[in-house]
Amino acid sequence: KLILLLTVALVITSPAYSAEQLYTEQPMLTPSLAASGKWPVGVTTMIASNPDQISAVDFASLADRTLTLEVWYPAVANEKSQPAVYENVTRSHQPFTLQGAAYRDLQPANKEQFPLIVLSHGWPGYRTIMFYLGEHLASHGYIVVGIDHTDSTNGDIDFTTAPRGGFPSTLLNRARDQQFVLDYFSGLDGDLGKMANTDQAAVIGYSMGGYGAVNTVGGCYNFTPETFAFLKFPEQMAPQLAPLFNSCNGGRPSVDPRWKAMIAIAPWGQELGVHAPEHLNKLTVPAMYIAGEYDDTSGYEHGVKKLYEQTGSKSKYMLVYKHARHNIGPHPAPKVAHTSEFDLGHYIEPSWNNEMINRINKHMGLAFIDCHVKGLDASCDYLPSQSNITQQKLPTGEFTPAWPGFNERWGTGVEFYRAN
């Protein structure tokens, strides 16, 4: 009986025991830059407060805005460290626990500096919804900061009683939160502060995170009374909201020169003309857009593709998942999400395996970030020069070349576009 009781106690008290593993070992299907890097990955949770921010309740008063951050970083290996688990809830507040590849609170590898990457979820979402990307970039020598955008997480929003909860706060604060995290780490003490190279930074955003990321690097907002009406704001609020919402550069007078690159995954807004074309055309920060061909949330032809076409950066790219909709950023659905169509709809792609999407995001994201943040020419070579990943069979029986880093004849259903 004592042995049984001890066993039950271990099951209950050990989070790693019950954590769900979302990923499988598929080396033949993994593009080369989706493989983990040389660094052991540590992860820690932090709380940061941005003082005197505009209230998203009355849009007049000021209040401190507190954010929970998940930070992945290159670390020193320690056999006694515990593998990280990530706990959260679905949109209907069903709890789940996921197994990570990082290790909780490992000693940072603080003898050198690493570029800072800000990782921003959608509405709603949570700071670990792209943990696969945070862990991956950290293993290749980056510090990655996932943000819980207050008012905009799954746990914050009650879709039964207030389905639009947190959306005004999301519109107002998304880019400001991203810029704040860069500023916060610039003044951070301790090992993580010392090892963070905030002069070499990038922002990655999914959905509403992408909406914010485009603004953060200079794509100013262009909210109009018609936009507010479409979003179902009271008509009398439009004159008050427009000056607040039509901000630029994450709330700064000009683009922070420390931003060296931006990735926007299924960014929301341009179907409504939210980003001003004249400002998009002046963007100089290298930008990569990732889109689903049939995205019915952010739109493709008049949404993400239009953002790509209007962006003026000389180094701009667009990765397109054929037949995909909007869910091209999150980790695969946890088991509990499969019990509810509402929850499953936050993750699933009907025509794609989400794990494969994650692998391609890791490969292409690392190639782009390494190329434009670290300036690694070898990584630039992984950004395809041919638009279609699908190899064509020639009359000789041979095939046209595969995309760099992809195995022969394993790539289909993806397109890639670049400036010039």
Protein backbone atom coordinates (compact mmCIF):
# COMPACT_ATOMS: atom_id res chain seq x y z
CA LYS A 1 0.00 0.00 0.00
CA LEU A 2 2.83 2.40 0.84
CA ILE A 3 4.44 1.79 -2.58
CA LEU A 4 1.10 2.41 -4.30
CA LEU A 5 0.54 5.65 -2.39
CA LEU A 6 4.03 6.88 -3.25
CA THR A 7 3.46 6.07 -6.92
CA VAL A 8 0.16 7.97 -6.97
CA ALA A 9 1.81 10.93 -5.24
CA LEU A 10 4.54 11.05 -7.86
CA VAL A 11 1.97 11.01 -10.67
CA ILE A 12 0.07 13.90 -9.10
CA THR A 13 3.03 16.05 -8.15
CA SER A 14 5.25 15.56 -11.22
CA PRO A 15 4.00 17.81 -14.05
CA ALA A 16 6.38 16.24 -16.59
CA TYR A 17 4.73 12.84 -16.03
CA SER A 18 1.35 13.96 -17.33
CA ALA A 19 2.59 16.48 -19.87
CA GLU A 20 1.47 15.86 -23.44
CA GLN A 21 4.12 15.45 -26.14
CA LEU A 22 2.91 17.09 -29.36
CA TYR A 23 5.87 16.29 -31.60
CA THR A 24 7.31 13.16 -33.18
CA GLU A 25 10.75 12.25 -34.53
CA GLN A 26 10.60 12.60 -38.33
CA PRO A 27 14.15 13.27 -39.56
CA MET A 28 13.36 12.51 -43.21
CA LEU A 29 10.53 15.06 -43.19
CA THR A 30 12.45 17.75 -41.32
CA PRO A 31 14.09 20.50 -43.40
CA SER A 32 17.68 20.98 -42.31
CA LEU A 33 17.32 24.27 -40.45
CA ALA A 34 14.44 22.83 -38.42
CA ALA A 35 16.96 20.71 -36.53
CA SER A 36 17.91 21.97 -33.07
CA GLY A 37 21.03 24.07 -32.71
CA LYS A 38 24.10 23.55 -30.54
CA TRP A 39 22.82 25.35 -27.44
CA PRO A 40 20.96 23.70 -24.55
CA VAL A 41 17.82 25.77 -24.00
CA GLY A 42 16.73 27.21 -20.69
CA VAL A 43 13.35 28.79 -20.05
CA THR A 44 12.11 31.02 -17.28
CA THR A 45 8.97 33.01 -16.53
CA MET A 46 9.16 36.72 -15.72
CA ILE A 47 6.78 39.52 -14.78
CA ALA A 48 7.35 42.99 -16.24
CA SER A 49 5.38 46.19 -15.66
CA ASN A 50 5.03 49.06 -18.14
CA PRO A 51 4.09 52.13 -16.07
CA ASP A 52 1.44 54.76 -16.88
CA GLN A 53 -0.15 53.22 -19.97
CA ILE A 54 -3.44 54.32 -21.50
CA SER A 55 -6.35 52.41 -20.01
CA ALA A 56 -8.22 50.18 -22.48
CA VAL A 57 -11.33 50.60 -20.28
CA ASP A 58 -11.93 54.34 -20.48
CA PHE A 59 -9.13 55.34 -22.93
CA ALA A 60 -8.40 58.35 -20.74
CA SER A 61 -6.80 57.33 -17.46
CA LEU A 62 -3.34 55.84 -16.99
CA ALA A 63 -2.43 52.57 -15.28
CA ASP A 64 0.55 50.26 -15.04
CA ARG A 65 0.36 47.46 -17.58
CA THR A 66 1.74 44.16 -16.28
CA LEU A 67 2.88 41.43 -18.69
CA THR A 68 3.88 37.82 -18.06
CA LEU A 69 6.85 36.77 -20.19
CA GLU A 70 8.23 33.35 -21.11
CA VAL A 71 11.94 33.65 -21.92
CA TRP A 72 13.91 30.99 -23.82
CA TYR A 73 17.68 31.40 -23.87
CA PRO A 74 20.98 29.60 -24.61
CA ALA A 75 22.04 27.85 -21.42
CA VAL A 76 24.61 25.67 -19.70
CA ALA A 77 23.61 22.00 -19.60
CA ASN A 78 22.74 20.52 -16.22
CA GLU A 79 21.73 16.87 -15.88
CA LYS A 80 19.70 17.63 -12.75
CA SER A 81 17.44 20.20 -14.45
CA GLN A 82 13.79 19.40 -15.07
CA PRO A 83 12.32 19.46 -18.60
CA ALA A 84 9.96 22.38 -19.04
CA VAL A 85 6.22 21.94 -19.20
CA TYR A 86 3.82 24.59 -20.44
CA GLU A 87 0.41 24.89 -18.81
CA ASN A 88 -2.47 26.83 -20.32
CA VAL A 89 -6.15 26.66 -21.23
CA THR A 90 -8.12 26.42 -24.46
CA ARG A 91 -10.56 29.12 -25.54
CA SER A 92 -13.28 27.41 -23.48
CA HIS A 93 -10.86 27.31 -20.51
CA GLN A 94 -10.08 23.59 -20.64
CA PRO A 95 -6.63 23.12 -19.01
CA PHE A 96 -3.76 21.29 -20.68
CA THR A 97 -0.06 20.67 -20.02
CA LEU A 98 2.49 20.31 -22.82
CA GLN A 99 5.98 18.85 -22.74
CA GLY A 100 8.75 21.17 -23.89
CA ALA A 101 12.28 20.51 -25.12
CA ALA A 102 13.75 23.31 -22.96
CA TYR A 103 14.78 22.99 -19.31
CA ARG A 104 13.30 25.13 -16.56
CA ASP A 105 15.60 27.82 -15.11
CA LEU A 106 18.93 26.51 -16.45
CA GLN A 107 22.00 28.67 -15.87
CA PRO A 108 22.21 31.17 -18.78
CA ALA A 109 25.23 30.94 -21.09
CA ASN A 110 26.19 34.47 -20.12
CA LYS A 111 29.76 34.58 -21.43
CA GLU A 112 28.55 35.98 -24.74
CA GLN A 113 25.64 38.02 -26.06
CA PHE A 114 22.72 36.84 -28.18
CA PRO A 115 20.21 38.83 -30.29
CA LEU A 116 16.74 39.39 -28.79
CA ILE A 117 13.58 38.07 -30.48
CA VAL A 118 10.09 39.18 -29.35
CA LEU A 119 7.36 36.56 -29.93
CA SER A 120 3.76 37.80 -29.96
CA HIS A 121 0.58 35.68 -29.99
CA GLY A 122 -2.80 36.30 -31.61
CA TRP A 123 -6.19 37.22 -30.16
CA PRO A 124 -6.81 35.26 -28.12
CA GLY A 125 -3.68 33.25 -27.41
CA TYR A 126 -0.93 32.80 -24.85
CA ARG A 127 2.81 33.29 -24.55
CA THR A 128 3.69 29.64 -25.30
CA ILE A 129 1.42 29.10 -28.31
CA MET A 130 4.58 29.15 -30.48
CA PHE A 131 6.89 27.52 -27.93
CA TYR A 132 8.31 25.31 -30.69
CA LEU A 133 9.71 28.45 -32.36
CA GLY A 134 10.95 29.98 -29.10
CA GLU A 135 12.84 26.83 -28.16
CA HIS A 136 14.21 26.40 -31.67
CA LEU A 137 15.60 29.92 -32.07
CA ALA A 138 17.11 29.81 -28.58
CA SER A 139 18.97 26.59 -29.50
CA HIS A 140 20.52 28.51 -32.39
CA GLY A 141 21.76 31.39 -30.26
CA TYR A 142 18.90 33.82 -29.61
CA ILE A 143 17.04 35.04 -26.55
CA VAL A 144 13.33 34.72 -27.32
CA VAL A 145 10.64 36.45 -25.25
CA GLY A 146 7.05 35.22 -25.55
CA ILE A 147 4.49 37.73 -24.27
CA ASP A 148 1.20 37.08 -22.52
CA HIS A 149 -0.59 40.17 -23.85
CA THR A 150 -2.76 41.17 -20.88
CA ASP A 151 -6.53 41.25 -21.67
CA SER A 152 -5.89 39.15 -24.79
CA THR A 153 -5.10 35.63 -23.56
CA ASN A 154 -7.35 32.55 -23.62
CA GLY A 155 -7.57 32.77 -19.84
CA ASP A 156 -8.56 36.45 -19.91
CA ILE A 157 -11.53 36.14 -22.26
CA ASP A 158 -14.90 34.58 -21.50
CA PHE A 159 -16.35 33.82 -24.92
CA THR A 160 -19.71 32.91 -23.39
CA THR A 161 -20.47 36.24 -21.73
CA ALA A 162 -18.08 38.66 -23.47
CA PRO A 163 -16.86 37.24 -26.81
CA ARG A 164 -15.25 40.55 -27.82
CA GLY A 165 -13.43 40.90 -24.54
CA GLY A 166 -9.93 42.26 -24.78
CA PHE A 167 -10.18 43.27 -28.44
CA PRO A 168 -9.95 47.04 -27.85
CA SER A 169 -6.94 46.43 -25.63
CA THR A 170 -5.41 44.27 -28.37
CA LEU A 171 -5.82 47.00 -30.98
CA LEU A 172 -4.30 49.59 -28.67
CA ASN A 173 -1.51 47.68 -26.97
CA ARG A 174 -0.14 44.99 -29.25
CA ALA A 175 2.68 46.98 -30.87
CA ARG A 176 3.30 48.96 -27.68
CA ASP A 177 3.84 45.72 -25.74
CA GLN A 178 6.35 44.51 -28.33
CA GLN A 179 8.35 47.74 -28.16
CA PHE A 180 8.19 47.74 -24.36
CA VAL A 181 9.76 44.28 -24.15
CA LEU A 182 12.73 45.44 -26.22
CA ASP A 183 13.13 48.50 -23.99
CA TYR A 184 12.69 46.41 -20.85
CA PHE A 185 15.45 43.98 -21.76
CA SER A 186 17.73 46.88 -22.67
CA GLY A 187 17.73 47.90 -19.01
CA LEU A 188 17.44 44.47 -17.42
CA ASP A 189 19.98 43.50 -14.77
CA GLY A 190 21.25 39.99 -14.10
CA ASP A 191 22.47 37.27 -16.44
CA LEU A 192 19.66 37.56 -18.98
CA GLY A 193 20.11 41.31 -19.20
CA LYS A 194 23.86 40.97 -19.72
CA MET A 195 23.55 38.36 -22.44
CA ALA A 196 20.73 40.07 -24.38
CA ASN A 197 22.01 41.99 -27.41
CA THR A 198 19.11 44.41 -27.78
CA ASP A 199 20.90 46.31 -30.54
CA GLN A 200 20.20 43.29 -32.77
CA ALA A 201 16.50 42.52 -32.36
CA ALA A 202 13.60 41.06 -34.32
CA VAL A 203 9.86 40.79 -33.75
CA ILE A 204 7.72 37.80 -34.74
CA GLY A 205 3.95 38.06 -34.50
CA TYR A 206 1.07 35.74 -35.32
CA SER A 207 -2.36 37.10 -36.34
CA MET A 208 -2.92 40.10 -34.04
CA GLY A 209 0.73 39.72 -33.06
CA GLY A 210 1.52 40.23 -36.76
CA TYR A 211 -0.83 43.22 -36.84
CA GLY A 212 1.30 44.71 -34.08
CA ALA A 213 4.66 43.67 -35.57
CA VAL A 214 3.99 45.50 -38.84
CA ASN A 215 3.29 48.67 -36.82
CA THR A 216 6.31 48.17 -34.58
CA VAL A 217 8.69 48.36 -37.55
CA GLY A 218 6.95 51.37 -39.10
CA GLY A 219 3.60 50.32 -40.65
CA CYS A 220 1.42 52.99 -39.06
CA TYR A 221 -2.26 52.34 -38.38
CA ASN A 222 -5.00 54.03 -40.37
CA PHE A 223 -8.24 53.54 -38.41
CA THR A 224 -11.22 55.45 -39.82
CA PRO A 225 -14.83 55.91 -38.62
CA GLU A 226 -15.78 53.18 -41.10
CA THR A 227 -13.24 50.81 -39.56
CA PHE A 228 -14.62 51.43 -36.08
CA ALA A 229 -18.17 50.89 -37.34
CA PHE A 230 -17.20 47.57 -38.94
CA LEU A 231 -15.57 46.52 -35.67
CA LYS A 232 -18.85 47.41 -33.90
CA PHE A 233 -17.49 50.22 -31.73
CA PRO A 234 -20.14 52.81 -30.70
CA GLU A 235 -20.20 55.64 -33.24
CA GLN A 236 -19.59 58.28 -30.57
CA MET A 237 -16.32 56.61 -29.59
CA ALA A 238 -14.64 56.97 -33.00
CA PRO A 239 -13.38 60.57 -32.54
CA GLN A 240 -11.87 59.59 -29.18
CA LEU A 241 -10.33 56.32 -30.36
CA ALA A 242 -8.84 57.36 -33.70
CA PRO A 243 -6.02 59.56 -32.31
CA LEU A 244 -5.08 56.81 -29.82
CA PHE A 245 -5.29 53.87 -32.20
CA ASN A 246 -3.60 55.55 -35.17
CA SER A 247 -0.16 55.22 -33.67
CA CYS A 248 3.14 54.33 -35.29
CA ASN A 249 6.32 52.49 -34.39
CA GLY A 250 5.01 50.82 -31.23
CA GLY A 251 4.17 54.25 -29.77
CA ARG A 252 7.51 55.88 -30.62
CA PRO A 253 8.04 58.97 -32.79
CA SER A 254 10.15 56.91 -35.22
CA VAL A 255 11.10 53.29 -35.85
CA ASP A 256 13.52 51.94 -33.27
CA PRO A 257 16.73 51.25 -35.25
CA ARG A 258 17.42 48.18 -33.11
CA TRP A 259 14.74 46.25 -34.99
CA LYS A 260 16.66 44.37 -37.69
CA ALA A 261 13.91 42.06 -38.95
CA MET A 262 10.18 41.30 -38.71
CA ILE A 263 8.15 38.14 -39.35
CA ALA A 264 4.36 38.51 -39.57
CA ILE A 265 2.47 35.19 -39.59
CA ALA A 266 -1.10 35.57 -40.91
CA PRO A 267 -1.15 39.25 -39.81
CA TRP A 268 -4.62 40.69 -39.32
CA GLY A 269 -5.90 44.02 -40.56
CA GLN A 270 -5.17 44.85 -44.17
CA GLU A 271 -8.52 43.61 -45.48
CA LEU A 272 -9.85 46.62 -43.54
CA GLY A 273 -7.00 48.89 -44.63
CA VAL A 274 -5.72 49.14 -41.07
CA HIS A 275 -2.08 49.73 -42.10
CA ALA A 276 -1.48 52.96 -44.04
CA PRO A 277 -0.02 52.13 -47.51
CA GLU A 278 2.13 55.29 -47.58
CA HIS A 279 3.89 54.15 -44.42
CA LEU A 280 4.18 50.51 -45.52
CA ASN A 281 5.88 51.73 -48.68
CA LYS A 282 8.54 53.47 -46.57
CA LEU A 283 9.42 50.40 -44.51
CA THR A 284 13.11 49.53 -44.62
CA VAL A 285 13.27 46.72 -42.03
CA PRO A 286 13.64 43.27 -43.69
CA ALA A 287 10.22 41.61 -43.56
CA MET A 288 8.86 38.12 -44.07
CA TYR A 289 5.14 37.45 -44.30
CA ILE A 290 3.76 33.93 -43.82
CA ALA A 291 0.27 33.33 -45.19
CA GLY A 292 -2.39 30.69 -45.75
CA GLU A 293 -3.81 30.76 -49.27
CA TYR A 294 -7.38 30.49 -47.96
CA ASP A 295 -7.02 32.56 -44.78
CA ASP A 296 -10.59 33.61 -43.96
CA THR A 297 -9.62 35.56 -40.83
CA SER A 298 -6.89 37.91 -42.05
CA GLY A 299 -7.54 37.40 -45.76
CA TYR A 300 -4.98 36.54 -48.39
CA GLU A 301 -5.45 38.46 -51.66
CA HIS A 302 -6.65 41.62 -49.92
CA GLY A 303 -4.95 40.91 -46.60
CA VAL A 304 -1.49 39.36 -46.21
CA LYS A 305 -0.58 39.45 -49.90
CA LYS A 306 -1.54 43.12 -50.05
CA LEU A 307 0.68 43.85 -47.04
CA TYR A 308 3.57 42.12 -48.81
CA GLU A 309 2.99 44.05 -52.03
CA GLN A 310 2.70 47.40 -50.24
CA THR A 311 5.79 46.87 -48.08
CA GLY A 312 8.72 48.89 -49.38
CA SER A 313 11.59 46.94 -47.81
CA LYS A 314 14.22 45.86 -50.32
CA SER A 315 14.52 42.59 -48.40
CA LYS A 316 10.95 41.30 -48.28
CA TYR A 317 9.62 37.78 -48.60
CA MET A 318 6.31 35.90 -48.48
CA LEU A 319 5.86 32.22 -47.66
CA VAL A 320 2.46 30.81 -48.69
CA TYR A 321 0.92 27.55 -47.50
CA LYS A 322 -1.36 26.36 -50.31
CA HIS A 323 -4.88 25.35 -49.19
CA ALA A 324 -4.20 26.55 -45.62
CA ARG A 325 -6.42 28.90 -43.67
CA HIS A 326 -5.41 30.98 -40.63
CA ASN A 327 -3.94 28.53 -38.10
CA ILE A 328 -0.38 28.45 -39.48
CA GLY A 329 1.33 29.79 -36.34
CA PRO A 330 0.26 27.77 -33.25
CA HIS A 331 1.58 24.46 -31.97
CA PRO A 332 -0.62 21.43 -32.80
CA ALA A 333 -3.88 21.06 -30.91
CA PRO A 334 -3.65 19.51 -27.43
CA LYS A 335 -5.84 16.45 -26.90
CA VAL A 336 -8.42 18.29 -24.84
CA ALA A 337 -9.10 20.66 -27.76
CA HIS A 338 -10.36 17.72 -29.82
CA THR A 339 -13.41 17.43 -27.57
CA SER A 340 -14.78 20.79 -28.78
CA GLU A 341 -15.13 22.17 -32.31
CA PHE A 342 -14.76 25.67 -30.85
CA ASP A 343 -11.44 24.82 -29.21
CA LEU A 344 -10.13 22.73 -32.09
CA GLY A 345 -10.82 25.61 -34.46
CA HIS A 346 -8.09 27.58 -32.69
CA TYR A 347 -5.40 25.15 -33.90
CA ILE A 348 -6.40 22.83 -36.71
CA GLU A 349 -5.60 23.17 -40.42
CA PRO A 350 -7.98 20.99 -42.47
CA SER A 351 -5.54 20.30 -45.34
CA TRP A 352 -2.27 20.32 -43.43
CA ASN A 353 -0.47 18.54 -40.64
CA ASN A 354 0.26 21.29 -38.10
CA GLU A 355 3.50 19.63 -37.04
CA MET A 356 4.81 19.94 -40.61
CA ILE A 357 3.82 23.61 -40.69
CA ASN A 358 5.75 24.14 -37.45
CA ARG A 359 8.82 22.45 -38.96
CA ILE A 360 8.72 24.64 -42.06
CA ASN A 361 8.21 27.74 -39.89
CA LYS A 362 11.31 26.78 -37.89
CA HIS A 363 13.41 26.24 -41.02
CA MET A 364 12.33 29.33 -42.93
CA GLY A 365 12.15 31.53 -39.83
CA LEU A 366 15.69 30.65 -38.79
CA ALA A 367 17.03 31.19 -42.32
CA PHE A 368 15.45 34.66 -42.44
CA ILE A 369 16.46 35.69 -38.90
CA ASP A 370 20.02 34.39 -39.25
CA CYS A 371 20.34 36.15 -42.58
CA HIS A 372 19.06 39.56 -41.52
CA VAL A 373 19.80 39.73 -37.79
CA LYS A 374 23.13 37.91 -37.58
CA GLY A 375 24.12 38.64 -41.18
CA LEU A 376 25.00 35.01 -41.97
CA ASP A 377 25.36 34.72 -45.74
CA ALA A 378 25.11 30.93 -45.61
CA SER A 379 21.65 31.26 -44.05
CA CYS A 380 20.57 33.73 -46.75
CA ASP A 381 21.22 30.94 -49.26
CA TYR A 382 18.41 28.91 -47.65
CA LEU A 383 15.84 31.51 -48.74
CA PRO A 384 14.54 29.96 -52.00
CA SER A 385 15.04 31.58 -55.38
CA GLN A 386 12.32 29.49 -57.06
CA SER A 387 8.74 30.24 -56.09
CA ASN A 388 7.23 26.73 -56.00
CA ILE A 389 8.60 24.08 -53.64
CA THR A 390 7.16 21.27 -55.79
CA GLN A 391 9.85 19.76 -58.02
CA GLN A 392 8.99 19.14 -61.65
CA LYS A 393 9.96 15.95 -63.48
CA LEU A 394 11.99 16.68 -66.61
CA PRO A 395 11.90 14.67 -69.87
CA THR A 396 15.25 13.16 -68.83
CA GLY A 397 13.58 11.63 -65.78
CA GLU A 398 15.47 13.94 -63.45
CA PHE A 399 13.78 16.52 -61.24
CA THR A 400 14.24 20.25 -60.90
CA PRO A 401 16.24 21.23 -57.77
CA ALA A 402 14.66 20.98 -54.33
CA TRP A 403 14.50 24.06 -52.13
CA PRO A 404 17.71 24.46 -50.11
CA GLY A 405 17.52 22.31 -46.98
CA PHE A 406 14.58 20.17 -48.15
CA ASN A 407 15.00 16.53 -49.11
CA GLU A 408 14.40 15.49 -52.70
CA ARG A 409 10.67 15.18 -53.58
CA TRP A 410 9.49 15.77 -49.99
CA GLY A 411 8.30 19.34 -50.53
CA THR A 412 4.85 20.17 -51.88
CA GLY A 413 2.17 22.77 -51.25
CA VAL A 414 4.34 25.79 -50.41
CA GLU A 415 5.26 28.88 -52.41
CA PHE A 416 7.85 31.57 -51.72
CA TYR A 417 8.11 35.09 -53.09
CA ARG A 418 10.82 37.71 -52.68
CA ALA A 419 11.49 41.28 -53.77
CA ASN A 420 12.93 41.73 -57.24
